[in-house]
Amino acid sequence: MPAGKKNLVLEQGTDFSFSFTIKDPITKDPIDLTGYTFAGQIRENYDSPTPAETFHISVPTPANGTVVVELSNAETSAMESQKNMFYDIEGTTPGSKKFRILEGQIYISPEVTR
């Protein structure tokens, strides 16, 4: 199954957070994420050698299939503003199969109040 596509806006200097639920494509029921791990990064370009930032990803209640993606205000403050960057989020099943769940562009909106 191809990754979902979602463009995001990250407001520089704020706590950034969003969540999504992974559902079975046929039954539309949430998938139990017990034993799954997730990783995600933001890069200036697809081929940038180092990430601009790495997401903190958690699964607070695995049975409900919800994944939470976060960055702290200190992390978003350090990011260069007025840029379009790229991100993706990948998962690994308990059986070690990797999959990309979400991808897109992320715009860094500049902070005025400091």
PDB file of N, CA and C in Angstrom:
ATOM      1  N   MET A   1       0.844  -1.167   0.000  1.00  0.00           N
ATOM      2  CA  MET A   1       0.000   0.000   0.000  1.00  0.00           C
ATOM      3  C   MET A   1       0.900   1.244   0.000  1.00  0.00           C
ATOM      4  N   PRO A   2       0.662   2.195  -0.898  1.00  0.00           N
ATOM      5  CA  PRO A   2       1.505   3.399  -0.943  1.00  0.00           C
ATOM      6  C   PRO A   2       1.292   4.288   0.283  1.00  0.00           C
ATOM      7  N   ALA A   3       2.307   5.073   0.580  1.00  0.00           N
ATOM      8  CA  ALA A   3       2.245   5.996   1.722  1.00  0.00           C
ATOM      9  C   ALA A   3       1.203   7.075   1.475  1.00  0.00           C
ATOM     10  N   GLY A   4       0.583   7.528   2.572  1.00  0.00           N
ATOM     11  CA  GLY A   4      -0.315   8.663   2.489  1.00  0.00           C
ATOM     12  C   GLY A   4       0.488   9.924   2.240  1.00  0.00           C
ATOM     13  N   LYS A   5      -0.139  10.895   1.624  1.00  0.00           N
ATOM     14  CA  LYS A   5       0.527  12.166   1.328  1.00  0.00           C
ATOM     15  C   LYS A   5      -0.178  13.267   2.119  1.00  0.00           C
ATOM     16  N   LYS A   6       0.624  14.055   2.871  1.00  0.00           N
ATOM     17  CA  LYS A   6       0.064  15.167   3.638  1.00  0.00           C
ATOM     18  C   LYS A   6       1.126  16.236   3.764  1.00  0.00           C
ATOM     19  N   ASN A   7       0.822  17.434   3.258  1.00  0.00           N
ATOM     20  CA  ASN A   7       1.717  18.563   3.431  1.00  0.00           C
ATOM     21  C   ASN A   7       1.401  19.225   4.763  1.00  0.00           C
ATOM     22  N   LEU A   8       2.448  19.683   5.454  1.00  0.00           N
ATOM     23  CA  LEU A   8       2.309  20.231   6.799  1.00  0.00           C
ATOM     24  C   LEU A   8       2.908  21.629   6.879  1.00  0.00           C
ATOM     25  N   VAL A   9       2.452  22.397   7.883  1.00  0.00           N
ATOM     26  CA  VAL A   9       3.056  23.683   8.223  1.00  0.00           C
ATOM     27  C   VAL A   9       3.587  23.554   9.641  1.00  0.00           C
ATOM     28  N   LEU A  10       4.860  23.851   9.807  1.00  0.00           N
ATOM     29  CA  LEU A  10       5.503  23.834  11.113  1.00  0.00           C
ATOM     30  C   LEU A  10       5.759  25.291  11.496  1.00  0.00           C
ATOM     31  N   GLU A  11       5.207  25.713  12.622  1.00  0.00           N
ATOM     32  CA  GLU A  11       5.382  27.090  13.075  1.00  0.00           C
ATOM     33  C   GLU A  11       6.642  27.170  13.931  1.00  0.00           C
ATOM     34  N   GLN A  12       7.636  27.879  13.423  1.00  0.00           N
ATOM     35  CA  GLN A  12       8.915  28.021  14.111  1.00  0.00           C
ATOM     36  C   GLN A  12       8.687  28.566  15.525  1.00  0.00           C
ATOM     37  N   GLY A  13       9.364  27.990  16.519  1.00  0.00           N
ATOM     38  CA  GLY A  13       9.292  28.457  17.901  1.00  0.00           C
ATOM     39  C   GLY A  13       8.128  27.921  18.707  1.00  0.00           C
ATOM     40  N   THR A  14       7.342  27.013  18.133  1.00  0.00           N
ATOM     41  CA  THR A  14       6.213  26.435  18.862  1.00  0.00           C
ATOM     42  C   THR A  14       6.420  24.938  19.061  1.00  0.00           C
ATOM     43  N   ASP A  15       5.657  24.376  19.987  1.00  0.00           N
ATOM     44  CA  ASP A  15       5.627  22.929  20.140  1.00  0.00           C
ATOM     45  C   ASP A  15       4.776  22.376  18.995  1.00  0.00           C
ATOM     46  N   PHE A  16       5.359  21.501  18.218  1.00  0.00           N
ATOM     47  CA  PHE A  16       4.707  20.941  17.032  1.00  0.00           C
ATOM     48  C   PHE A  16       4.229  19.536  17.358  1.00  0.00           C
ATOM     49  N   SER A  17       2.984  19.251  17.022  1.00  0.00           N
ATOM     50  CA  SER A  17       2.436  17.924  17.287  1.00  0.00           C
ATOM     51  C   SER A  17       1.292  17.635  16.327  1.00  0.00           C
ATOM     52  N   PHE A  18       1.265  16.424  15.825  1.00  0.00           N
ATOM     53  CA  PHE A  18       0.095  15.952  15.096  1.00  0.00           C
ATOM     54  C   PHE A  18       0.004  14.449  15.280  1.00  0.00           C
ATOM     55  N   SER A  19      -1.178  13.927  15.055  1.00  0.00           N
ATOM     56  CA  SER A  19      -1.378  12.482  15.210  1.00  0.00           C
ATOM     57  C   SER A  19      -2.194  11.954  14.038  1.00  0.00           C
ATOM     58  N   PHE A  20      -2.084  10.668  13.833  1.00  0.00           N
ATOM     59  CA  PHE A  20      -2.872   9.999  12.806  1.00  0.00           C
ATOM     60  C   PHE A  20      -3.117   8.567  13.262  1.00  0.00           C
ATOM     61  N   THR A  21      -4.151   7.963  12.712  1.00  0.00           N
ATOM     62  CA  THR A  21      -4.521   6.598  13.063  1.00  0.00           C
ATOM     63  C   THR A  21      -4.316   5.698  11.862  1.00  0.00           C
ATOM     64  N   ILE A  22      -3.653   4.585  12.082  1.00  0.00           N
ATOM     65  CA  ILE A  22      -3.427   3.604  11.017  1.00  0.00           C
ATOM     66  C   ILE A  22      -4.571   2.592  11.066  1.00  0.00           C
ATOM     67  N   LYS A  23      -5.259   2.473   9.923  1.00  0.00           N
ATOM     68  CA  LYS A  23      -6.424   1.589   9.851  1.00  0.00           C
ATOM     69  C   LYS A  23      -6.234   0.499   8.805  1.00  0.00           C
ATOM     70  N   ASP A  24      -6.887  -0.609   9.034  1.00  0.00           N
ATOM     71  CA  ASP A  24      -6.909  -1.694   8.064  1.00  0.00           C
ATOM     72  C   ASP A  24      -7.601  -1.172   6.803  1.00  0.00           C
ATOM     73  N   PRO A  25      -6.990  -1.337   5.615  1.00  0.00           N
ATOM     74  CA  PRO A  25      -7.591  -0.774   4.401  1.00  0.00           C
ATOM     75  C   PRO A  25      -8.927  -1.406   4.009  1.00  0.00           C
ATOM     76  N   ILE A  26      -9.192  -2.602   4.485  1.00  0.00           N
ATOM     77  CA  ILE A  26     -10.442  -3.276   4.123  1.00  0.00           C
ATOM     78  C   ILE A  26     -11.524  -3.034   5.168  1.00  0.00           C
ATOM     79  N   THR A  27     -11.224  -3.317   6.432  1.00  0.00           N
ATOM     80  CA  THR A  27     -12.249  -3.201   7.473  1.00  0.00           C
ATOM     81  C   THR A  27     -12.387  -1.785   8.018  1.00  0.00           C
ATOM     82  N   LYS A  28     -11.360  -0.949   7.793  1.00  0.00           N
ATOM     83  CA  LYS A  28     -11.295   0.427   8.317  1.00  0.00           C
ATOM     84  C   LYS A  28     -11.173   0.479   9.836  1.00  0.00           C
ATOM     85  N   ASP A  29     -10.891  -0.665  10.469  1.00  0.00           N
ATOM     86  CA  ASP A  29     -10.667  -0.713  11.911  1.00  0.00           C
ATOM     87  C   ASP A  29      -9.222  -0.326  12.210  1.00  0.00           C
ATOM     88  N   PRO A  30      -8.973   0.339  13.363  1.00  0.00           N
ATOM     89  CA  PRO A  30      -7.588   0.659  13.734  1.00  0.00           C
ATOM     90  C   PRO A  30      -6.751  -0.608  13.848  1.00  0.00           C
ATOM     91  N   ILE A  31      -5.504  -0.522  13.422  1.00  0.00           N
ATOM     92  CA  ILE A  31      -4.571  -1.643  13.536  1.00  0.00           C
ATOM     93  C   ILE A  31      -3.903  -1.572  14.904  1.00  0.00           C
ATOM     94  N   ASP A  32      -3.808  -2.699  15.591  1.00  0.00           N
ATOM     95  CA  ASP A  32      -3.104  -2.769  16.876  1.00  0.00           C
ATOM     96  C   ASP A  32      -1.609  -2.639  16.595  1.00  0.00           C
ATOM     97  N   LEU A  33      -0.996  -1.579  17.120  1.00  0.00           N
ATOM     98  CA  LEU A  33       0.407  -1.281  16.841  1.00  0.00           C
ATOM     99  C   LEU A  33       1.360  -1.806  17.905  1.00  0.00           C
ATOM    100  N   THR A  34       0.920  -2.751  18.702  1.00  0.00           N
ATOM    101  CA  THR A  34       1.791  -3.348  19.708  1.00  0.00           C
ATOM    102  C   THR A  34       3.017  -3.956  19.020  1.00  0.00           C
ATOM    103  N   GLY A  35       4.193  -3.547  19.453  1.00  0.00           N
ATOM    104  CA  GLY A  35       5.435  -4.062  18.896  1.00  0.00           C
ATOM    105  C   GLY A  35       5.945  -3.327  17.678  1.00  0.00           C
ATOM    106  N   TYR A  36       5.174  -2.389  17.136  1.00  0.00           N
ATOM    107  CA  TYR A  36       5.621  -1.594  15.997  1.00  0.00           C
ATOM    108  C   TYR A  36       6.547  -0.482  16.490  1.00  0.00           C
ATOM    109  N   THR A  37       7.466  -0.063  15.637  1.00  0.00           N
ATOM    110  CA  THR A  37       8.284   1.119  15.920  1.00  0.00           C
ATOM    111  C   THR A  37       8.155   2.069  14.742  1.00  0.00           C
ATOM    112  N   PHE A  38       8.406   3.347  15.010  1.00  0.00           N
ATOM    113  CA  PHE A  38       8.274   4.369  13.974  1.00  0.00           C
ATOM    114  C   PHE A  38       9.456   5.324  14.023  1.00  0.00           C
ATOM    115  N   ALA A  39       9.808   5.861  12.869  1.00  0.00           N
ATOM    116  CA  ALA A  39      10.880   6.850  12.756  1.00  0.00           C
ATOM    117  C   ALA A  39      10.480   7.842  11.673  1.00  0.00           C
ATOM    118  N   GLY A  40      10.950   9.082  11.822  1.00  0.00           N
ATOM    119  CA  GLY A  40      10.643  10.083  10.813  1.00  0.00           C
ATOM    120  C   GLY A  40      11.632  11.227  10.870  1.00  0.00           C
ATOM    121  N   GLN A  41      11.909  11.792   9.710  1.00  0.00           N
ATOM    122  CA  GLN A  41      12.871  12.890   9.627  1.00  0.00           C
ATOM    123  C   GLN A  41      12.379  13.962   8.662  1.00  0.00           C
ATOM    124  N   ILE A  42      12.942  15.167   8.859  1.00  0.00           N
ATOM    125  CA  ILE A  42      12.748  16.291   7.941  1.00  0.00           C
ATOM    126  C   ILE A  42      14.103  16.550   7.290  1.00  0.00           C
ATOM    127  N   ARG A  43      14.095  16.704   5.978  1.00  0.00           N
ATOM    128  CA  ARG A  43      15.331  17.023   5.253  1.00  0.00           C
ATOM    129  C   ARG A  43      15.063  18.175   4.287  1.00  0.00           C
ATOM    130  N   GLU A  44      16.117  18.963   4.055  1.00  0.00           N
ATOM    131  CA  GLU A  44      15.989  20.102   3.143  1.00  0.00           C
ATOM    132  C   GLU A  44      15.662  19.627   1.733  1.00  0.00           C
ATOM    133  N   ASN A  45      16.305  18.565   1.305  1.00  0.00           N
ATOM    134  CA  ASN A  45      16.056  17.928   0.010  1.00  0.00           C
ATOM    135  C   ASN A  45      16.002  16.424   0.239  1.00  0.00           C
ATOM    136  N   TYR A  46      15.446  15.713  -0.710  1.00  0.00           N
ATOM    137  CA  TYR A  46      15.373  14.261  -0.566  1.00  0.00           C
ATOM    138  C   TYR A  46      16.750  13.637  -0.375  1.00  0.00           C
ATOM    139  N   ASP A  47      17.756  14.219  -1.034  1.00  0.00           N
ATOM    140  CA  ASP A  47      19.090  13.631  -0.981  1.00  0.00           C
ATOM    141  C   ASP A  47      20.036  14.333  -0.003  1.00  0.00           C
ATOM    142  N   SER A  48      19.514  15.192   0.880  1.00  0.00           N
ATOM    143  CA  SER A  48      20.368  15.850   1.880  1.00  0.00           C
ATOM    144  C   SER A  48      21.037  14.798   2.755  1.00  0.00           C
ATOM    145  N   PRO A  49      22.341  14.933   3.007  1.00  0.00           N
ATOM    146  CA  PRO A  49      23.055  13.906   3.770  1.00  0.00           C
ATOM    147  C   PRO A  49      22.662  13.829   5.248  1.00  0.00           C
ATOM    148  N   THR A  50      22.208  14.931   5.811  1.00  0.00           N
ATOM    149  CA  THR A  50      21.816  14.908   7.225  1.00  0.00           C
ATOM    150  C   THR A  50      20.415  15.509   7.377  1.00  0.00           C
ATOM    151  N   PRO A  51      19.654  15.013   8.354  1.00  0.00           N
ATOM    152  CA  PRO A  51      18.307  15.565   8.558  1.00  0.00           C
ATOM    153  C   PRO A  51      18.364  16.954   9.190  1.00  0.00           C
ATOM    154  N   ALA A  52      17.386  17.791   8.846  1.00  0.00           N
ATOM    155  CA  ALA A  52      17.225  19.084   9.510  1.00  0.00           C
ATOM    156  C   ALA A  52      16.683  18.864  10.921  1.00  0.00           C
ATOM    157  N   GLU A  53      15.883  17.815  11.080  1.00  0.00           N
ATOM    158  CA  GLU A  53      15.333  17.466  12.396  1.00  0.00           C
ATOM    159  C   GLU A  53      14.796  16.036  12.340  1.00  0.00           C
ATOM    160  N   THR A  54      14.759  15.407  13.500  1.00  0.00           N
ATOM    161  CA  THR A  54      14.212  14.061  13.635  1.00  0.00           C
ATOM    162  C   THR A  54      13.001  14.128  14.560  1.00  0.00           C
ATOM    163  N   PHE A  55      11.878  13.589  14.101  1.00  0.00           N
ATOM    164  CA  PHE A  55      10.652  13.598  14.894  1.00  0.00           C
ATOM    165  C   PHE A  55      10.771  12.691  16.120  1.00  0.00           C
ATOM    166  N   HIS A  56      10.056  13.055  17.182  1.00  0.00           N
ATOM    167  CA  HIS A  56       9.836  12.179  18.337  1.00  0.00           C
ATOM    168  C   HIS A  56       8.484  11.521  18.066  1.00  0.00           C
ATOM    169  N   ILE A  57       8.471  10.203  17.989  1.00  0.00           N
ATOM    170  CA  ILE A  57       7.244   9.502  17.615  1.00  0.00           C
ATOM    171  C   ILE A  57       6.887   8.503  18.710  1.00  0.00           C
ATOM    172  N   SER A  58       5.610   8.541  19.108  1.00  0.00           N
ATOM    173  CA  SER A  58       5.141   7.618  20.144  1.00  0.00           C
ATOM    174  C   SER A  58       3.810   6.998  19.731  1.00  0.00           C
ATOM    175  N   VAL A  59       3.495   5.903  20.395  1.00  0.00           N
ATOM    176  CA  VAL A  59       2.217   5.213  20.212  1.00  0.00           C
ATOM    177  C   VAL A  59       1.642   5.034  21.615  1.00  0.00           C
ATOM    178  N   PRO A  60       0.918   6.059  22.121  1.00  0.00           N
ATOM    179  CA  PRO A  60       0.459   6.034  23.516  1.00  0.00           C
ATOM    180  C   PRO A  60      -0.423   4.841  23.884  1.00  0.00           C
ATOM    181  N   THR A  61      -1.334   4.470  22.998  1.00  0.00           N
ATOM    182  CA  THR A  61      -2.216   3.327  23.238  1.00  0.00           C
ATOM    183  C   THR A  61      -2.201   2.467  21.975  1.00  0.00           C
ATOM    184  N   PRO A  62      -1.301   1.489  21.921  1.00  0.00           N
ATOM    185  CA  PRO A  62      -1.128   0.714  20.675  1.00  0.00           C
ATOM    186  C   PRO A  62      -2.422   0.125  20.102  1.00  0.00           C
ATOM    187  N   ALA A  63      -3.342  -0.307  20.949  1.00  0.00           N
ATOM    188  CA  ALA A  63      -4.556  -0.961  20.455  1.00  0.00           C
ATOM    189  C   ALA A  63      -5.430  -0.027  19.617  1.00  0.00           C
ATOM    190  N   ASN A  64      -5.319   1.304  19.814  1.00  0.00           N
ATOM    191  CA  ASN A  64      -6.186   2.197  19.040  1.00  0.00           C
ATOM    192  C   ASN A  64      -5.540   2.682  17.737  1.00  0.00           C
ATOM    193  N   GLY A  65      -4.306   2.256  17.445  1.00  0.00           N
ATOM    194  CA  GLY A  65      -3.673   2.537  16.166  1.00  0.00           C
ATOM    195  C   GLY A  65      -3.212   3.964  15.942  1.00  0.00           C
ATOM    196  N   THR A  66      -3.186   4.780  16.998  1.00  0.00           N
ATOM    197  CA  THR A  66      -2.830   6.189  16.834  1.00  0.00           C
ATOM    198  C   THR A  66      -1.345   6.425  17.084  1.00  0.00           C
ATOM    199  N   VAL A  67      -0.736   7.182  16.170  1.00  0.00           N
ATOM    200  CA  VAL A  67       0.675   7.538  16.227  1.00  0.00           C
ATOM    201  C   VAL A  67       0.763   9.043  16.478  1.00  0.00           C
ATOM    202  N   VAL A  68       1.613   9.464  17.413  1.00  0.00           N
ATOM    203  CA  VAL A  68       1.795  10.875  17.741  1.00  0.00           C
ATOM    204  C   VAL A  68       3.209  11.288  17.325  1.00  0.00           C
ATOM    205  N   VAL A  69       3.286  12.398  16.583  1.00  0.00           N
ATOM    206  CA  VAL A  69       4.543  12.921  16.049  1.00  0.00           C
ATOM    207  C   VAL A  69       4.775  14.304  16.657  1.00  0.00           C
ATOM    208  N   GLU A  70       5.975  14.541  17.225  1.00  0.00           N
ATOM    209  CA  GLU A  70       6.210  15.794  17.938  1.00  0.00           C
ATOM    210  C   GLU A  70       7.617  16.343  17.720  1.00  0.00           C
ATOM    211  N   LEU A  71       7.726  17.673  17.889  1.00  0.00           N
ATOM    212  CA  LEU A  71       8.990  18.388  18.013  1.00  0.00           C
ATOM    213  C   LEU A  71       8.788  19.440  19.099  1.00  0.00           C
ATOM    214  N   SER A  72       9.821  19.720  19.863  1.00  0.00           N
ATOM    215  CA  SER A  72       9.724  20.730  20.923  1.00  0.00           C
ATOM    216  C   SER A  72       9.882  22.135  20.339  1.00  0.00           C
ATOM    217  N   ASN A  73       9.506  23.148  21.131  1.00  0.00           N
ATOM    218  CA  ASN A  73       9.671  24.528  20.655  1.00  0.00           C
ATOM    219  C   ASN A  73      11.151  24.868  20.450  1.00  0.00           C
ATOM    220  N   ALA A  74      12.035  24.297  21.241  1.00  0.00           N
ATOM    221  CA  ALA A  74      13.471  24.531  21.045  1.00  0.00           C
ATOM    222  C   ALA A  74      13.923  23.961  19.698  1.00  0.00           C
ATOM    223  N   GLU A  75      13.403  22.813  19.343  1.00  0.00           N
ATOM    224  CA  GLU A  75      13.772  22.197  18.059  1.00  0.00           C
ATOM    225  C   GLU A  75      13.224  22.999  16.879  1.00  0.00           C
ATOM    226  N   THR A  76      11.969  23.452  16.982  1.00  0.00           N
ATOM    227  CA  THR A  76      11.406  24.217  15.868  1.00  0.00           C
ATOM    228  C   THR A  76      12.034  25.608  15.766  1.00  0.00           C
ATOM    229  N   SER A  77      12.452  26.187  16.906  1.00  0.00           N
ATOM    230  CA  SER A  77      13.127  27.494  16.887  1.00  0.00           C
ATOM    231  C   SER A  77      14.435  27.428  16.115  1.00  0.00           C
ATOM    232  N   ALA A  78      15.115  26.304  16.198  1.00  0.00           N
ATOM    233  CA  ALA A  78      16.420  26.145  15.563  1.00  0.00           C
ATOM    234  C   ALA A  78      16.331  25.889  14.055  1.00  0.00           C
ATOM    235  N   MET A  79      15.129  25.639  13.560  1.00  0.00           N
ATOM    236  CA  MET A  79      14.983  25.341  12.130  1.00  0.00           C
ATOM    237  C   MET A  79      14.942  26.627  11.307  1.00  0.00           C
ATOM    238  N   GLU A  80      15.526  26.579  10.123  1.00  0.00           N
ATOM    239  CA  GLU A  80      15.543  27.731   9.226  1.00  0.00           C
ATOM    240  C   GLU A  80      14.136  27.956   8.673  1.00  0.00           C
ATOM    241  N   SER A  81      13.644  29.194   8.803  1.00  0.00           N
ATOM    242  CA  SER A  81      12.260  29.477   8.403  1.00  0.00           C
ATOM    243  C   SER A  81      12.141  29.829   6.922  1.00  0.00           C
ATOM    244  N   GLN A  82      10.886  29.921   6.509  1.00  0.00           N
ATOM    245  CA  GLN A  82      10.498  30.264   5.141  1.00  0.00           C
ATOM    246  C   GLN A  82      11.099  29.296   4.135  1.00  0.00           C
ATOM    247  N   LYS A  83      11.064  28.043   4.504  1.00  0.00           N
ATOM    248  CA  LYS A  83      11.592  27.000   3.622  1.00  0.00           C
ATOM    249  C   LYS A  83      10.552  25.907   3.467  1.00  0.00           C
ATOM    250  N   ASN A  84      10.534  25.320   2.305  1.00  0.00           N
ATOM    251  CA  ASN A  84       9.801  24.090   2.087  1.00  0.00           C
ATOM    252  C   ASN A  84      10.812  22.964   2.191  1.00  0.00           C
ATOM    253  N   MET A  85      10.539  22.031   3.066  1.00  0.00           N
ATOM    254  CA  MET A  85      11.398  20.863   3.232  1.00  0.00           C
ATOM    255  C   MET A  85      10.554  19.620   2.984  1.00  0.00           C
ATOM    256  N   PHE A  86      11.146  18.472   3.172  1.00  0.00           N
ATOM    257  CA  PHE A  86      10.471  17.211   2.925  1.00  0.00           C
ATOM    258  C   PHE A  86      10.563  16.330   4.166  1.00  0.00           C
ATOM    259  N   TYR A  87       9.541  15.503   4.383  1.00  0.00           N
ATOM    260  CA  TYR A  87       9.546  14.596   5.530  1.00  0.00           C
ATOM    261  C   TYR A  87       8.934  13.271   5.115  1.00  0.00           C
ATOM    262  N   ASP A  88       9.216  12.271   5.893  1.00  0.00           N
ATOM    263  CA  ASP A  88       8.450  11.033   5.814  1.00  0.00           C
ATOM    264  C   ASP A  88       8.480  10.351   7.172  1.00  0.00           C
ATOM    265  N   ILE A  89       7.536   9.443   7.338  1.00  0.00           N
ATOM    266  CA  ILE A  89       7.430   8.648   8.558  1.00  0.00           C
ATOM    267  C   ILE A  89       7.334   7.196   8.132  1.00  0.00           C
ATOM    268  N   GLU A  90       8.225   6.386   8.693  1.00  0.00           N
ATOM    269  CA  GLU A  90       8.270   4.963   8.375  1.00  0.00           C
ATOM    270  C   GLU A  90       7.988   4.141   9.614  1.00  0.00           C
ATOM    271  N   GLY A  91       7.404   2.992   9.388  1.00  0.00           N
ATOM    272  CA  GLY A  91       7.125   2.069  10.482  1.00  0.00           C
ATOM    273  C   GLY A  91       7.843   0.754  10.251  1.00  0.00           C
ATOM    274  N   THR A  92       8.008   0.022  11.342  1.00  0.00           N
ATOM    275  CA  THR A  92       8.579  -1.328  11.277  1.00  0.00           C
ATOM    276  C   THR A  92       7.650  -2.242  12.069  1.00  0.00           C
ATOM    277  N   THR A  93       7.205  -3.313  11.440  1.00  0.00           N
ATOM    278  CA  THR A  93       6.308  -4.262  12.097  1.00  0.00           C
ATOM    279  C   THR A  93       7.079  -5.115  13.102  1.00  0.00           C
ATOM    280  N   PRO A  94       6.371  -5.819  13.987  1.00  0.00           N
ATOM    281  CA  PRO A  94       7.063  -6.726  14.903  1.00  0.00           C
ATOM    282  C   PRO A  94       7.891  -7.791  14.160  1.00  0.00           C
ATOM    283  N   GLY A  95       7.521  -8.091  12.916  1.00  0.00           N
ATOM    284  CA  GLY A  95       8.269  -9.044  12.092  1.00  0.00           C
ATOM    285  C   GLY A  95       9.378  -8.402  11.278  1.00  0.00           C
ATOM    286  N   SER A  96       9.728  -7.149  11.579  1.00  0.00           N
ATOM    287  CA  SER A  96      10.823  -6.407  10.947  1.00  0.00           C
ATOM    288  C   SER A  96      10.571  -5.980   9.505  1.00  0.00           C
ATOM    289  N   LYS A  97       9.311  -5.907   9.089  1.00  0.00           N
ATOM    290  CA  LYS A  97       9.001  -5.399   7.755  1.00  0.00           C
ATOM    291  C   LYS A  97       8.832  -3.892   7.848  1.00  0.00           C
ATOM    292  N   LYS A  98       9.555  -3.172   6.981  1.00  0.00           N
ATOM    293  CA  LYS A  98       9.493  -1.703   6.968  1.00  0.00           C
ATOM    294  C   LYS A  98       8.456  -1.237   5.959  1.00  0.00           C
ATOM    295  N   PHE A  99       7.806  -0.130   6.300  1.00  0.00           N
ATOM    296  CA  PHE A  99       6.841   0.472   5.397  1.00  0.00           C
ATOM    297  C   PHE A  99       6.820   1.978   5.620  1.00  0.00           C
ATOM    298  N   ARG A 100       6.528   2.723   4.579  1.00  0.00           N
ATOM    299  CA  ARG A 100       6.374   4.169   4.700  1.00  0.00           C
ATOM    300  C   ARG A 100       4.888   4.438   4.865  1.00  0.00           C
ATOM    301  N   ILE A 101       4.532   5.172   5.899  1.00  0.00           N
ATOM    302  CA  ILE A 101       3.122   5.414   6.190  1.00  0.00           C
ATOM    303  C   ILE A 101       2.663   6.802   5.750  1.00  0.00           C
ATOM    304  N   LEU A 102       3.580   7.793   5.806  1.00  0.00           N
ATOM    305  CA  LEU A 102       3.181   9.165   5.500  1.00  0.00           C
ATOM    306  C   LEU A 102       4.376   9.926   4.949  1.00  0.00           C
ATOM    307  N   GLU A 103       4.118  10.839   3.994  1.00  0.00           N
ATOM    308  CA  GLU A 103       5.186  11.647   3.412  1.00  0.00           C
ATOM    309  C   GLU A 103       4.607  12.934   2.865  1.00  0.00           C
ATOM    310  N   GLY A 104       5.499  13.919   2.671  1.00  0.00           N
ATOM    311  CA  GLY A 104       5.044  15.160   2.070  1.00  0.00           C
ATOM    312  C   GLY A 104       6.050  16.275   2.252  1.00  0.00           C
ATOM    313  N   GLN A 105       5.592  17.484   1.951  1.00  0.00           N
ATOM    314  CA  GLN A 105       6.401  18.670   2.170  1.00  0.00           C
ATOM    315  C   GLN A 105       6.015  19.280   3.507  1.00  0.00           C
ATOM    316  N   ILE A 106       6.948  20.007   4.096  1.00  0.00           N
ATOM    317  CA  ILE A 106       6.691  20.692   5.361  1.00  0.00           C
ATOM    318  C   ILE A 106       7.254  22.111   5.229  1.00  0.00           C
ATOM    319  N   TYR A 107       6.380  23.091   5.405  1.00  0.00           N
ATOM    320  CA  TYR A 107       6.774  24.492   5.301  1.00  0.00           C
ATOM    321  C   TYR A 107       7.092  25.013   6.692  1.00  0.00           C
ATOM    322  N   ILE A 108       8.238  25.686   6.839  1.00  0.00           N
ATOM    323  CA  ILE A 108       8.640  26.243   8.126  1.00  0.00           C
ATOM    324  C   ILE A 108       8.205  27.712   8.153  1.00  0.00           C
ATOM    325  N   SER A 109       7.130  27.984   8.888  1.00  0.00           N
ATOM    326  CA  SER A 109       6.582  29.330   9.012  1.00  0.00           C
ATOM    327  C   SER A 109       7.402  30.129  10.022  1.00  0.00           C
ATOM    328  N   PRO A 110       7.856  31.352   9.669  1.00  0.00           N
ATOM    329  CA  PRO A 110       8.753  32.096  10.546  1.00  0.00           C
ATOM    330  C   PRO A 110       8.097  32.603  11.830  1.00  0.00           C
ATOM    331  N   GLU A 111       8.903  32.613  12.881  1.00  0.00           N
ATOM    332  CA  GLU A 111       8.475  33.135  14.184  1.00  0.00           C
ATOM    333  C   GLU A 111       8.790  34.624  14.236  1.00  0.00           C
ATOM    334  N   VAL A 112       7.864  35.415  14.758  1.00  0.00           N
ATOM    335  CA  VAL A 112       8.090  36.840  14.937  1.00  0.00           C
ATOM    336  C   VAL A 112       8.357  37.144  16.413  1.00  0.00           C
ATOM    337  N   THR A 113       7.547  36.572  17.300  1.00  0.00           N
ATOM    338  CA  THR A 113       7.701  36.798  18.734  1.00  0.00           C
ATOM    339  C   THR A 113       8.795  35.903  19.276  1.00  0.00           C
ATOM    340  N   ARG A 114       9.796  36.495  19.947  1.00  0.00           N
ATOM    341  CA  ARG A 114      10.900  35.709  20.498  1.00  0.00           C
ATOM    342  C   ARG A 114      11.099  36.062  21.943  1.00  0.00           C
TER     343      ARG A 114
END
